[in-house]
């Protein structure tokens, strides 16, 4: 059967095939001898300056709704954390698994649920 040119194929210009590209590799030049290692004296880190701990002052807000601001005392919070960490959590009781129903050991049968199907046993 003769090929019929399609309009898309006819509109595309054909390019001449490219000649293979020749790549020349440069000659290997030996490297110079490595420079001798220079001993470097270890540099001691600069002493870290102590950063003072600054406690923020309590906020003073204008509560026009009559609410009051409450702030937790840090020493009471730490004491409560130490006290609760001394006690271990009570172990949870193990879950009782339900008894599984018995597995049927009878041959399987295919059942058609759509009208007009064959319901022949396999």
PDB file of N, CA and C in Angstrom:
ATOM      1  N   UNK A   1       0.838  -1.170   0.000  1.00  0.00           N
ATOM      2  CA  UNK A   1       0.000   0.000   0.000  1.00  0.00           C
ATOM      3  C   UNK A   1       0.888   1.240   0.000  1.00  0.00           C
ATOM      4  N   UNK A   2       0.664   2.200  -0.861  1.00  0.00           N
ATOM      5  CA  UNK A   2       1.516   3.396  -0.899  1.00  0.00           C
ATOM      6  C   UNK A   2       1.219   4.281   0.316  1.00  0.00           C
ATOM      7  N   UNK A   3       2.283   4.921   0.811  1.00  0.00           N
ATOM      8  CA  UNK A   3       2.111   5.800   1.970  1.00  0.00           C
ATOM      9  C   UNK A   3       1.546   7.131   1.505  1.00  0.00           C
ATOM     10  N   UNK A   4       0.569   7.598   2.225  1.00  0.00           N
ATOM     11  CA  UNK A   4      -0.045   8.880   1.914  1.00  0.00           C
ATOM     12  C   UNK A   4       0.548   9.897   2.878  1.00  0.00           C
ATOM     13  N   UNK A   5       1.185  10.950   2.358  1.00  0.00           N
ATOM     14  CA  UNK A   5       1.766  11.934   3.281  1.00  0.00           C
ATOM     15  C   UNK A   5       0.663  12.681   4.020  1.00  0.00           C
ATOM     16  N   UNK A   6       0.859  12.818   5.292  1.00  0.00           N
ATOM     17  CA  UNK A   6      -0.114  13.553   6.099  1.00  0.00           C
ATOM     18  C   UNK A   6       0.274  15.020   6.093  1.00  0.00           C
ATOM     19  N   UNK A   7      -0.658  15.903   6.339  1.00  0.00           N
ATOM     20  CA  UNK A   7      -0.339  17.330   6.305  1.00  0.00           C
ATOM     21  C   UNK A   7       0.708  17.697   7.371  1.00  0.00           C
ATOM     22  N   UNK A   8       0.699  17.035   8.521  1.00  0.00           N
ATOM     23  CA  UNK A   8       1.651  17.370   9.575  1.00  0.00           C
ATOM     24  C   UNK A   8       3.052  16.949   9.149  1.00  0.00           C
ATOM     25  N   UNK A   9       3.174  15.739   8.586  1.00  0.00           N
ATOM     26  CA  UNK A   9       4.481  15.259   8.164  1.00  0.00           C
ATOM     27  C   UNK A   9       5.009  16.083   6.993  1.00  0.00           C
ATOM     28  N   UNK A  10       4.130  16.568   6.129  1.00  0.00           N
ATOM     29  CA  UNK A  10       4.568  17.346   4.986  1.00  0.00           C
ATOM     30  C   UNK A  10       5.026  18.734   5.415  1.00  0.00           C
ATOM     31  N   UNK A  11       4.463  19.268   6.495  1.00  0.00           N
ATOM     32  CA  UNK A  11       4.810  20.612   6.936  1.00  0.00           C
ATOM     33  C   UNK A  11       6.143  20.642   7.672  1.00  0.00           C
ATOM     34  N   UNK A  12       6.589  19.496   8.228  1.00  0.00           N
ATOM     35  CA  UNK A  12       7.825  19.470   8.993  1.00  0.00           C
ATOM     36  C   UNK A  12       9.016  19.365   8.051  1.00  0.00           C
ATOM     37  N   UNK A  13      10.023  20.255   8.195  1.00  0.00           N
ATOM     38  CA  UNK A  13      11.205  20.174   7.331  1.00  0.00           C
ATOM     39  C   UNK A  13      12.080  18.997   7.755  1.00  0.00           C
ATOM     40  N   UNK A  14      12.735  18.397   6.817  1.00  0.00           N
ATOM     41  CA  UNK A  14      13.636  17.295   7.127  1.00  0.00           C
ATOM     42  C   UNK A  14      15.041  17.846   7.239  1.00  0.00           C
ATOM     43  N   UNK A  15      15.761  17.405   8.258  1.00  0.00           N
ATOM     44  CA  UNK A  15      17.120  17.864   8.491  1.00  0.00           C
ATOM     45  C   UNK A  15      18.097  16.820   7.986  1.00  0.00           C
ATOM     46  N   UNK A  16      19.229  17.264   7.465  1.00  0.00           N
ATOM     47  CA  UNK A  16      20.220  16.280   7.018  1.00  0.00           C
ATOM     48  C   UNK A  16      20.821  15.598   8.259  1.00  0.00           C
ATOM     49  N   UNK A  17      21.234  14.335   8.114  1.00  0.00           N
ATOM     50  CA  UNK A  17      21.803  13.642   9.281  1.00  0.00           C
ATOM     51  C   UNK A  17      23.117  14.302   9.691  1.00  0.00           C
ATOM     52  N   UNK A  18      23.330  14.369  11.024  1.00  0.00           N
ATOM     53  CA  UNK A  18      24.539  15.006  11.542  1.00  0.00           C
ATOM     54  C   UNK A  18      25.704  14.026  11.463  1.00  0.00           C
ATOM     55  N   UNK A  19      26.882  14.527  11.125  1.00  0.00           N
ATOM     56  CA  UNK A  19      28.046  13.635  11.104  1.00  0.00           C
ATOM     57  C   UNK A  19      28.417  13.265  12.544  1.00  0.00           C
ATOM     58  N   UNK A  20      29.032  12.110  12.762  1.00  0.00           N
ATOM     59  CA  UNK A  20      29.397  11.727  14.123  1.00  0.00           C
ATOM     60  C   UNK A  20      30.425  12.697  14.692  1.00  0.00           C
ATOM     61  N   UNK A  21      30.289  13.008  15.981  1.00  0.00           N
ATOM     62  CA  UNK A  21      31.169  13.968  16.625  1.00  0.00           C
ATOM     63  C   UNK A  21      32.424  13.249  17.112  1.00  0.00           C
ATOM     64  N   UNK A  22      33.592  13.818  16.804  1.00  0.00           N
ATOM     65  CA  UNK A  22      34.861  13.244  17.211  1.00  0.00           C
ATOM     66  C   UNK A  22      35.360  14.039  18.407  1.00  0.00           C
ATOM     67  N   UNK A  23      35.646  13.326  19.493  1.00  0.00           N
ATOM     68  CA  UNK A  23      36.116  13.988  20.701  1.00  0.00           C
ATOM     69  C   UNK A  23      37.534  13.530  20.956  1.00  0.00           C
ATOM     70  N   UNK A  24      38.429  14.495  21.093  1.00  0.00           N
ATOM     71  CA  UNK A  24      39.816  14.160  21.380  1.00  0.00           C
ATOM     72  C   UNK A  24      40.044  14.304  22.875  1.00  0.00           C
ATOM     73  N   UNK A  25      40.707  13.298  23.458  1.00  0.00           N
ATOM     74  CA  UNK A  25      40.997  13.366  24.888  1.00  0.00           C
ATOM     75  C   UNK A  25      42.385  13.947  25.063  1.00  0.00           C
ATOM     76  N   UNK A  26      42.565  14.870  26.011  1.00  0.00           N
ATOM     77  CA  UNK A  26      43.884  15.454  26.223  1.00  0.00           C
ATOM     78  C   UNK A  26      44.826  14.429  26.847  1.00  0.00           C
ATOM     79  N   UNK A  27      46.095  14.609  26.595  1.00  0.00           N
ATOM     80  CA  UNK A  27      47.090  13.699  27.151  1.00  0.00           C
ATOM     81  C   UNK A  27      47.148  13.881  28.660  1.00  0.00           C
ATOM     82  N   UNK A  28      47.390  12.795  29.379  1.00  0.00           N
ATOM     83  CA  UNK A  28      47.458  12.850  30.829  1.00  0.00           C
ATOM     84  C   UNK A  28      48.775  13.458  31.260  1.00  0.00           C
ATOM     85  N   UNK A  29      48.701  14.408  32.153  1.00  0.00           N
ATOM     86  CA  UNK A  29      49.884  15.077  32.656  1.00  0.00           C
ATOM     87  C   UNK A  29      50.070  14.637  34.105  1.00  0.00           C
ATOM     88  N   UNK A  30      51.281  14.159  34.482  1.00  0.00           N
ATOM     89  CA  UNK A  30      51.459  13.742  35.877  1.00  0.00           C
ATOM     90  C   UNK A  30      51.381  14.950  36.803  1.00  0.00           C
ATOM     91  N   UNK A  31      50.796  14.706  37.988  1.00  0.00           N
ATOM     92  CA  UNK A  31      50.648  15.775  38.963  1.00  0.00           C
ATOM     93  C   UNK A  31      51.952  15.993  39.701  1.00  0.00           C
ATOM     94  N   UNK A  32      52.124  17.179  40.206  1.00  0.00           N
ATOM     95  CA  UNK A  32      53.316  17.499  40.991  1.00  0.00           C
ATOM     96  C   UNK A  32      53.225  16.772  42.327  1.00  0.00           C
ATOM     97  N   UNK A  33      54.347  16.613  42.977  1.00  0.00           N
ATOM     98  CA  UNK A  33      54.376  15.939  44.276  1.00  0.00           C
ATOM     99  C   UNK A  33      53.535  16.739  45.262  1.00  0.00           C
ATOM    100  N   UNK A  34      52.817  16.046  46.165  1.00  0.00           N
ATOM    101  CA  UNK A  34      51.966  16.771  47.112  1.00  0.00           C
ATOM    102  C   UNK A  34      52.815  17.606  48.066  1.00  0.00           C
ATOM    103  N   UNK A  35      52.260  18.713  48.480  1.00  0.00           N
ATOM    104  CA  UNK A  35      52.966  19.613  49.390  1.00  0.00           C
ATOM    105  C   UNK A  35      53.080  18.952  50.753  1.00  0.00           C
ATOM    106  N   UNK A  36      54.171  19.191  51.484  1.00  0.00           N
ATOM    107  CA  UNK A  36      54.314  18.579  52.806  1.00  0.00           C
ATOM    108  C   UNK A  36      53.244  19.120  53.754  1.00  0.00           C
ATOM    109  N   UNK A  37      52.804  18.256  54.670  1.00  0.00           N
ATOM    110  CA  UNK A  37      51.759  18.643  55.614  1.00  0.00           C
ATOM    111  C   UNK A  37      52.330  19.621  56.625  1.00  0.00           C
ATOM    112  N   UNK A  38      51.580  20.636  56.917  1.00  0.00           N
ATOM    113  CA  UNK A  38      52.012  21.658  57.861  1.00  0.00           C
ATOM    114  C   UNK A  38      51.278  21.393  59.173  1.00  0.00           C
ATOM    115  N   UNK A  39      52.011  21.320  60.260  1.00  0.00           N
ATOM    116  CA  UNK A  39      51.397  21.093  61.562  1.00  0.00           C
ATOM    117  C   UNK A  39      50.685  22.360  62.001  1.00  0.00           C
ATOM    118  N   UNK A  40      49.444  22.206  62.384  1.00  0.00           N
ATOM    119  CA  UNK A  40      48.655  23.340  62.822  1.00  0.00           C
ATOM    120  C   UNK A  40      48.389  23.160  64.308  1.00  0.00           C
ATOM    121  N   UNK A  41      48.685  24.168  65.080  1.00  0.00           N
ATOM    122  CA  UNK A  41      48.450  24.101  66.512  1.00  0.00           C
ATOM    123  C   UNK A  41      46.954  24.191  66.775  1.00  0.00           C
ATOM    124  N   UNK A  42      46.424  23.340  67.669  1.00  0.00           N
ATOM    125  CA  UNK A  42      44.986  23.407  67.952  1.00  0.00           C
ATOM    126  C   UNK A  42      44.637  24.741  68.601  1.00  0.00           C
ATOM    127  N   UNK A  43      43.534  25.276  68.197  1.00  0.00           N
ATOM    128  CA  UNK A  43      43.093  26.562  68.702  1.00  0.00           C
ATOM    129  C   UNK A  43      42.084  26.299  69.812  1.00  0.00           C
ATOM    130  N   UNK A  44      42.351  26.832  70.976  1.00  0.00           N
ATOM    131  CA  UNK A  44      41.436  26.660  72.104  1.00  0.00           C
ATOM    132  C   UNK A  44      40.218  27.549  71.885  1.00  0.00           C
ATOM    133  N   UNK A  45      39.017  27.003  72.128  1.00  0.00           N
ATOM    134  CA  UNK A  45      37.827  27.827  71.941  1.00  0.00           C
ATOM    135  C   UNK A  45      37.792  28.946  72.978  1.00  0.00           C
ATOM    136  N   UNK A  46      37.244  30.047  72.578  1.00  0.00           N
ATOM    137  CA  UNK A  46      37.152  31.191  73.479  1.00  0.00           C
ATOM    138  C   UNK A  46      36.230  30.824  74.635  1.00  0.00           C
ATOM    139  N   UNK A  47      36.555  31.252  75.847  1.00  0.00           N
ATOM    140  CA  UNK A  47      35.695  30.910  76.981  1.00  0.00           C
ATOM    141  C   UNK A  47      34.307  31.519  76.789  1.00  0.00           C
ATOM    142  N   UNK A  48      33.313  30.685  77.035  1.00  0.00           N
ATOM    143  CA  UNK A  48      31.940  31.140  76.866  1.00  0.00           C
ATOM    144  C   UNK A  48      31.567  32.041  78.027  1.00  0.00           C
ATOM    145  N   UNK A  49      31.002  33.156  77.700  1.00  0.00           N
ATOM    146  CA  UNK A  49      30.584  34.076  78.741  1.00  0.00           C
ATOM    147  C   UNK A  49      29.272  33.587  79.330  1.00  0.00           C
ATOM    148  N   UNK A  50      29.148  33.688  80.618  1.00  0.00           N
ATOM    149  CA  UNK A  50      27.922  33.264  81.283  1.00  0.00           C
ATOM    150  C   UNK A  50      26.809  34.245  80.931  1.00  0.00           C
ATOM    151  N   UNK A  51      25.726  33.693  80.445  1.00  0.00           N
ATOM    152  CA  UNK A  51      24.584  34.521  80.080  1.00  0.00           C
ATOM    153  C   UNK A  51      23.674  34.599  81.297  1.00  0.00           C
ATOM    154  N   UNK A  52      23.419  35.766  81.779  1.00  0.00           N
ATOM    155  CA  UNK A  52      22.562  35.869  82.965  1.00  0.00           C
ATOM    156  C   UNK A  52      21.124  35.497  82.623  1.00  0.00           C
ATOM    157  N   UNK A  53      20.489  34.812  83.568  1.00  0.00           N
ATOM    158  CA  UNK A  53      19.099  34.427  83.388  1.00  0.00           C
ATOM    159  C   UNK A  53      18.231  35.578  83.854  1.00  0.00           C
ATOM    160  N   UNK A  54      17.426  36.064  82.963  1.00  0.00           N
ATOM    161  CA  UNK A  54      16.575  37.203  83.278  1.00  0.00           C
ATOM    162  C   UNK A  54      15.138  36.721  83.323  1.00  0.00           C
ATOM    163  N   UNK A  55      14.507  36.900  84.446  1.00  0.00           N
ATOM    164  CA  UNK A  55      13.099  36.534  84.585  1.00  0.00           C
ATOM    165  C   UNK A  55      12.255  37.701  84.087  1.00  0.00           C
ATOM    166  N   UNK A  56      11.304  37.430  83.217  1.00  0.00           N
ATOM    167  CA  UNK A  56      10.480  38.529  82.719  1.00  0.00           C
ATOM    168  C   UNK A  56       9.558  39.041  83.825  1.00  0.00           C
ATOM    169  N   UNK A  57       9.312  40.315  83.805  1.00  0.00           N
ATOM    170  CA  UNK A  57       8.408  40.860  84.814  1.00  0.00           C
ATOM    171  C   UNK A  57       6.979  40.530  84.401  1.00  0.00           C
ATOM    172  N   UNK A  58       6.107  40.380  85.367  1.00  0.00           N
ATOM    173  CA  UNK A  58       4.720  40.020  85.043  1.00  0.00           C
ATOM    174  C   UNK A  58       4.063  41.079  84.167  1.00  0.00           C
ATOM    175  N   UNK A  59       3.203  40.617  83.309  1.00  0.00           N
ATOM    176  CA  UNK A  59       2.482  41.533  82.435  1.00  0.00           C
ATOM    177  C   UNK A  59       1.443  42.298  83.241  1.00  0.00           C
ATOM    178  N   UNK A  60       1.336  43.524  82.952  1.00  0.00           N
ATOM    179  CA  UNK A  60       0.306  44.337  83.586  1.00  0.00           C
ATOM    180  C   UNK A  60      -0.638  44.803  82.489  1.00  0.00           C
ATOM    181  N   UNK A  61      -1.749  44.113  82.383  1.00  0.00           N
ATOM    182  CA  UNK A  61      -2.712  44.420  81.338  1.00  0.00           C
ATOM    183  C   UNK A  61      -3.944  45.062  81.948  1.00  0.00           C
ATOM    184  N   UNK A  62      -4.603  45.836  81.157  1.00  0.00           N
ATOM    185  CA  UNK A  62      -5.846  46.460  81.602  1.00  0.00           C
ATOM    186  C   UNK A  62      -6.981  45.489  81.270  1.00  0.00           C
ATOM    187  N   UNK A  63      -7.468  44.786  82.288  1.00  0.00           N
ATOM    188  CA  UNK A  63      -8.542  43.835  82.100  1.00  0.00           C
ATOM    189  C   UNK A  63      -9.864  44.544  82.349  1.00  0.00           C
ATOM    190  N   UNK A  64     -10.466  45.001  81.310  1.00  0.00           N
ATOM    191  CA  UNK A  64     -11.722  45.730  81.460  1.00  0.00           C
ATOM    192  C   UNK A  64     -12.902  44.805  81.729  1.00  0.00           C
ATOM    193  N   UNK A  65     -12.704  43.483  81.532  1.00  0.00           N
ATOM    194  CA  UNK A  65     -13.805  42.547  81.746  1.00  0.00           C
ATOM    195  C   UNK A  65     -13.873  42.054  83.177  1.00  0.00           C
ATOM    196  N   UNK A  66     -12.961  42.453  84.032  1.00  0.00           N
ATOM    197  CA  UNK A  66     -13.006  42.045  85.423  1.00  0.00           C
ATOM    198  C   UNK A  66     -12.230  40.770  85.696  1.00  0.00           C
ATOM    199  N   UNK A  67     -11.517  40.261  84.696  1.00  0.00           N
ATOM    200  CA  UNK A  67     -10.723  39.051  84.892  1.00  0.00           C
ATOM    201  C   UNK A  67      -9.395  39.417  85.532  1.00  0.00           C
ATOM    202  N   UNK A  68      -8.797  38.465  86.234  1.00  0.00           N
ATOM    203  CA  UNK A  68      -7.491  38.717  86.823  1.00  0.00           C
ATOM    204  C   UNK A  68      -6.486  37.742  86.220  1.00  0.00           C
ATOM    205  N   UNK A  69      -5.241  38.178  86.115  1.00  0.00           N
ATOM    206  CA  UNK A  69      -4.195  37.355  85.526  1.00  0.00           C
ATOM    207  C   UNK A  69      -3.601  36.463  86.610  1.00  0.00           C
ATOM    208  N   UNK A  70      -3.388  35.189  86.267  1.00  0.00           N
ATOM    209  CA  UNK A  70      -2.831  34.231  87.213  1.00  0.00           C
ATOM    210  C   UNK A  70      -1.524  33.721  86.639  1.00  0.00           C
ATOM    211  N   UNK A  71      -0.484  33.665  87.458  1.00  0.00           N
ATOM    212  CA  UNK A  71       0.812  33.175  87.020  1.00  0.00           C
ATOM    213  C   UNK A  71       1.209  32.010  87.918  1.00  0.00           C
ATOM    214  N   UNK A  72       1.712  30.930  87.330  1.00  0.00           N
ATOM    215  CA  UNK A  72       2.110  29.755  88.085  1.00  0.00           C
ATOM    216  C   UNK A  72       3.464  29.984  88.734  1.00  0.00           C
ATOM    217  N   UNK A  73       3.567  29.561  89.996  1.00  0.00           N
ATOM    218  CA  UNK A  73       4.832  29.666  90.705  1.00  0.00           C
ATOM    219  C   UNK A  73       5.753  28.550  90.215  1.00  0.00           C
ATOM    220  N   UNK A  74       6.954  28.884  89.726  1.00  0.00           N
ATOM    221  CA  UNK A  74       7.873  27.922  89.132  1.00  0.00           C
ATOM    222  C   UNK A  74       8.327  26.896  90.158  1.00  0.00           C
ATOM    223  N   UNK A  75       8.579  27.307  91.399  1.00  0.00           N
ATOM    224  CA  UNK A  75       9.049  26.358  92.415  1.00  0.00           C
ATOM    225  C   UNK A  75       7.979  25.319  92.731  1.00  0.00           C
ATOM    226  N   UNK A  76       6.715  25.709  92.744  1.00  0.00           N
ATOM    227  CA  UNK A  76       5.633  24.751  93.000  1.00  0.00           C
ATOM    228  C   UNK A  76       5.497  23.765  91.834  1.00  0.00           C
ATOM    229  N   UNK A  77       5.701  24.239  90.614  1.00  0.00           N
ATOM    230  CA  UNK A  77       5.612  23.366  89.444  1.00  0.00           C
ATOM    231  C   UNK A  77       6.715  22.319  89.477  1.00  0.00           C
ATOM    232  N   UNK A  78       7.940  22.724  89.788  1.00  0.00           N
ATOM    233  CA  UNK A  78       9.049  21.774  89.862  1.00  0.00           C
ATOM    234  C   UNK A  78       8.833  20.758  90.968  1.00  0.00           C
ATOM    235  N   UNK A  79       8.349  21.191  92.116  1.00  0.00           N
ATOM    236  CA  UNK A  79       8.095  20.273  93.228  1.00  0.00           C
ATOM    237  C   UNK A  79       7.036  19.243  92.847  1.00  0.00           C
ATOM    238  N   UNK A  80       6.001  19.669  92.151  1.00  0.00           N
ATOM    239  CA  UNK A  80       4.953  18.743  91.725  1.00  0.00           C
ATOM    240  C   UNK A  80       5.483  17.758  90.696  1.00  0.00           C
ATOM    241  N   UNK A  81       6.364  18.186  89.777  1.00  0.00           N
ATOM    242  CA  UNK A  81       6.935  17.279  88.785  1.00  0.00           C
ATOM    243  C   UNK A  81       7.818  16.238  89.440  1.00  0.00           C
ATOM    244  N   UNK A  82       8.611  16.640  90.435  1.00  0.00           N
ATOM    245  CA  UNK A  82       9.473  15.689  91.148  1.00  0.00           C
ATOM    246  C   UNK A  82       8.620  14.689  91.903  1.00  0.00           C
ATOM    247  N   UNK A  83       7.558  15.153  92.523  1.00  0.00           N
ATOM    248  CA  UNK A  83       6.700  14.276  93.313  1.00  0.00           C
ATOM    249  C   UNK A  83       5.980  13.255  92.421  1.00  0.00           C
ATOM    250  N   UNK A  84       5.483  13.676  91.271  1.00  0.00           N
ATOM    251  CA  UNK A  84       4.765  12.739  90.401  1.00  0.00           C
ATOM    252  C   UNK A  84       5.709  11.801  89.665  1.00  0.00           C
ATOM    253  N   UNK A  85       6.969  12.201  89.434  1.00  0.00           N
ATOM    254  CA  UNK A  85       7.894  11.309  88.746  1.00  0.00           C
ATOM    255  C   UNK A  85       8.362  10.176  89.650  1.00  0.00           C
ATOM    256  N   UNK A  86       8.195  10.309  90.963  1.00  0.00           N
ATOM    257  CA  UNK A  86       8.598   9.248  91.897  1.00  0.00           C
ATOM    258  C   UNK A  86       7.677   8.048  91.792  1.00  0.00           C
ATOM    259  N   UNK A  87       6.444   8.237  91.375  1.00  0.00           N
ATOM    260  CA  UNK A  87       5.480   7.148  91.273  1.00  0.00           C
ATOM    261  C   UNK A  87       5.441   6.619  89.844  1.00  0.00           C
ATOM    262  N   UNK A  88       5.455   5.289  89.732  1.00  0.00           N
ATOM    263  CA  UNK A  88       5.346   4.668  88.408  1.00  0.00           C
ATOM    264  C   UNK A  88       3.873   4.501  88.070  1.00  0.00           C
ATOM    265  N   UNK A  89       3.564   4.566  86.793  1.00  0.00           N
ATOM    266  CA  UNK A  89       2.180   4.372  86.371  1.00  0.00           C
ATOM    267  C   UNK A  89       1.759   2.936  86.659  1.00  0.00           C
ATOM    268  N   UNK A  90       0.504   2.768  87.031  1.00  0.00           N
ATOM    269  CA  UNK A  90      -0.016   1.431  87.290  1.00  0.00           C
ATOM    270  C   UNK A  90      -0.098   0.676  85.971  1.00  0.00           C
ATOM    271  N   UNK A  91       0.271  -0.614  85.959  1.00  0.00           N
ATOM    272  CA  UNK A  91       0.196  -1.363  84.695  1.00  0.00           C
ATOM    273  C   UNK A  91      -1.254  -1.559  84.282  1.00  0.00           C
ATOM    274  N   UNK A  92      -1.480  -1.465  82.992  1.00  0.00           N
ATOM    275  CA  UNK A  92      -2.832  -1.662  82.471  1.00  0.00           C
ATOM    276  C   UNK A  92      -3.157  -3.141  82.438  1.00  0.00           C
ATOM    277  N   UNK A  93      -4.397  -3.504  82.704  1.00  0.00           N
ATOM    278  CA  UNK A  93      -4.755  -4.925  82.599  1.00  0.00           C
ATOM    279  C   UNK A  93      -4.708  -5.357  81.140  1.00  0.00           C
ATOM    280  N   UNK A  94      -4.311  -6.601  80.914  1.00  0.00           N
ATOM    281  CA  UNK A  94      -4.228  -7.114  79.555  1.00  0.00           C
ATOM    282  C   UNK A  94      -5.621  -7.275  78.975  1.00  0.00           C
ATOM    283  N   UNK A  95      -5.734  -7.060  77.698  1.00  0.00           N
ATOM    284  CA  UNK A  95      -7.014  -7.154  77.010  1.00  0.00           C
ATOM    285  C   UNK A  95      -7.351  -8.623  76.781  1.00  0.00           C
ATOM    286  N   UNK A  96      -8.581  -8.987  77.082  1.00  0.00           N
ATOM    287  CA  UNK A  96      -9.018 -10.358  76.793  1.00  0.00           C
ATOM    288  C   UNK A  96      -9.543 -10.389  75.370  1.00  0.00           C
ATOM    289  N   UNK A  97      -8.999 -11.274  74.584  1.00  0.00           N
ATOM    290  CA  UNK A  97      -9.394 -11.367  73.182  1.00  0.00           C
ATOM    291  C   UNK A  97     -10.650 -12.223  73.054  1.00  0.00           C
ATOM    292  N   UNK A  98     -11.564 -11.839  72.167  1.00  0.00           N
ATOM    293  CA  UNK A  98     -12.777 -12.643  71.975  1.00  0.00           C
ATOM    294  C   UNK A  98     -12.441 -13.963  71.281  1.00  0.00           C
ATOM    295  N   UNK A  99     -13.273 -14.962  71.546  1.00  0.00           N
ATOM    296  CA  UNK A  99     -13.079 -16.267  70.922  1.00  0.00           C
ATOM    297  C   UNK A  99     -13.522 -16.173  69.464  1.00  0.00           C
ATOM    298  N   UNK A 100     -12.674 -16.653  68.550  1.00  0.00           N
ATOM    299  CA  UNK A 100     -12.977 -16.589  67.121  1.00  0.00           C
ATOM    300  C   UNK A 100     -13.946 -17.703  66.747  1.00  0.00           C
ATOM    301  N   UNK A 101     -14.827 -17.452  65.779  1.00  0.00           N
ATOM    302  CA  UNK A 101     -15.735 -18.515  65.336  1.00  0.00           C
ATOM    303  C   UNK A 101     -14.939 -19.597  64.604  1.00  0.00           C
ATOM    304  N   UNK A 102     -15.452 -20.832  64.603  1.00  0.00           N
ATOM    305  CA  UNK A 102     -14.721 -21.915  63.925  1.00  0.00           C
ATOM    306  C   UNK A 102     -14.689 -21.692  62.411  1.00  0.00           C
ATOM    307  N   UNK A 103     -13.622 -22.190  61.775  1.00  0.00           N
ATOM    308  CA  UNK A 103     -13.449 -22.067  60.337  1.00  0.00           C
ATOM    309  C   UNK A 103     -14.156 -23.248  59.664  1.00  0.00           C
ATOM    310  N   UNK A 104     -14.965 -22.954  58.646  1.00  0.00           N
ATOM    311  CA  UNK A 104     -15.704 -24.008  57.942  1.00  0.00           C
ATOM    312  C   UNK A 104     -14.754 -24.777  57.035  1.00  0.00           C
ATOM    313  N   UNK A 105     -14.833 -26.097  57.045  1.00  0.00           N
ATOM    314  CA  UNK A 105     -13.974 -26.962  56.228  1.00  0.00           C
ATOM    315  C   UNK A 105     -14.786 -27.620  55.114  1.00  0.00           C
ATOM    316  N   UNK A 106     -15.693 -26.895  54.493  1.00  0.00           N
ATOM    317  CA  UNK A 106     -16.517 -27.450  53.417  1.00  0.00           C
ATOM    318  C   UNK A 106     -16.090 -26.833  52.090  1.00  0.00           C
ATOM    319  N   UNK A 107     -16.395 -27.476  50.977  1.00  0.00           N
ATOM    320  CA  UNK A 107     -15.998 -26.919  49.683  1.00  0.00           C
ATOM    321  C   UNK A 107     -16.742 -25.612  49.406  1.00  0.00           C
ATOM    322  N   UNK A 108     -16.075 -24.726  48.674  1.00  0.00           N
ATOM    323  CA  UNK A 108     -16.667 -23.439  48.342  1.00  0.00           C
ATOM    324  C   UNK A 108     -17.601 -23.572  47.153  1.00  0.00           C
ATOM    325  N   UNK A 109     -18.619 -22.698  47.100  1.00  0.00           N
ATOM    326  CA  UNK A 109     -19.573 -22.708  45.995  1.00  0.00           C
ATOM    327  C   UNK A 109     -19.756 -21.273  45.529  1.00  0.00           C
ATOM    328  N   UNK A 110     -19.696 -21.076  44.220  1.00  0.00           N
ATOM    329  CA  UNK A 110     -19.890 -19.752  43.661  1.00  0.00           C
ATOM    330  C   UNK A 110     -21.380 -19.492  43.534  1.00  0.00           C
ATOM    331  N   UNK A 111     -21.823 -18.361  44.014  1.00  0.00           N
ATOM    332  CA  UNK A 111     -23.230 -18.005  43.977  1.00  0.00           C
ATOM    333  C   UNK A 111     -23.357 -16.729  43.152  1.00  0.00           C
ATOM    334  N   UNK A 112     -24.192 -16.756  42.121  1.00  0.00           N
ATOM    335  CA  UNK A 112     -24.427 -15.583  41.295  1.00  0.00           C
ATOM    336  C   UNK A 112     -25.479 -14.727  41.958  1.00  0.00           C
ATOM    337  N   UNK A 113     -25.237 -13.453  42.042  1.00  0.00           N
ATOM    338  CA  UNK A 113     -26.205 -12.551  42.648  1.00  0.00           C
ATOM    339  C   UNK A 113     -26.971 -11.722  41.628  1.00  0.00           C
ATOM    340  N   UNK A 114     -26.560 -11.777  40.362  1.00  0.00           N
ATOM    341  CA  UNK A 114     -27.243 -11.048  39.315  1.00  0.00           C
ATOM    342  C   UNK A 114     -28.186 -12.005  38.581  1.00  0.00           C
ATOM    343  N   UNK A 115     -29.332 -11.513  38.112  1.00  0.00           N
ATOM    344  CA  UNK A 115     -30.249 -12.406  37.394  1.00  0.00           C
ATOM    345  C   UNK A 115     -29.661 -12.868  36.054  1.00  0.00           C
ATOM    346  N   UNK A 116     -29.925 -14.110  35.695  1.00  0.00           N
ATOM    347  CA  UNK A 116     -29.501 -14.635  34.417  1.00  0.00           C
ATOM    348  C   UNK A 116     -28.124 -15.275  34.463  1.00  0.00           C
ATOM    349  N   UNK A 117     -27.504 -15.371  35.614  1.00  0.00           N
ATOM    350  CA  UNK A 117     -26.187 -15.980  35.695  1.00  0.00           C
ATOM    351  C   UNK A 117     -26.286 -17.469  35.951  1.00  0.00           C
ATOM    352  N   UNK A 118     -25.219 -18.194  35.636  1.00  0.00           N
ATOM    353  CA  UNK A 118     -25.182 -19.615  35.916  1.00  0.00           C
ATOM    354  C   UNK A 118     -24.801 -19.821  37.378  1.00  0.00           C
ATOM    355  N   UNK A 119     -25.486 -20.706  38.066  1.00  0.00           N
ATOM    356  CA  UNK A 119     -25.147 -21.001  39.461  1.00  0.00           C
ATOM    357  C   UNK A 119     -24.732 -22.461  39.558  1.00  0.00           C
ATOM    358  N   UNK A 120     -23.690 -22.817  38.833  1.00  0.00           N
ATOM    359  CA  UNK A 120     -23.202 -24.203  38.856  1.00  0.00           C
ATOM    360  C   UNK A 120     -22.107 -24.309  39.900  1.00  0.00           C
ATOM    361  N   UNK A 121     -22.073 -25.400  40.667  1.00  0.00           N
ATOM    362  CA  UNK A 121     -21.001 -25.569  41.655  1.00  0.00           C
ATOM    363  C   UNK A 121     -19.657 -25.789  40.945  1.00  0.00           C
ATOM    364  N   UNK A 122     -18.601 -25.381  41.568  1.00  0.00           N
ATOM    365  CA  UNK A 122     -17.266 -25.539  40.991  1.00  0.00           C
ATOM    366  C   UNK A 122     -16.724 -26.913  41.268  1.00  0.00           C
TER     367      UNK A 122
END
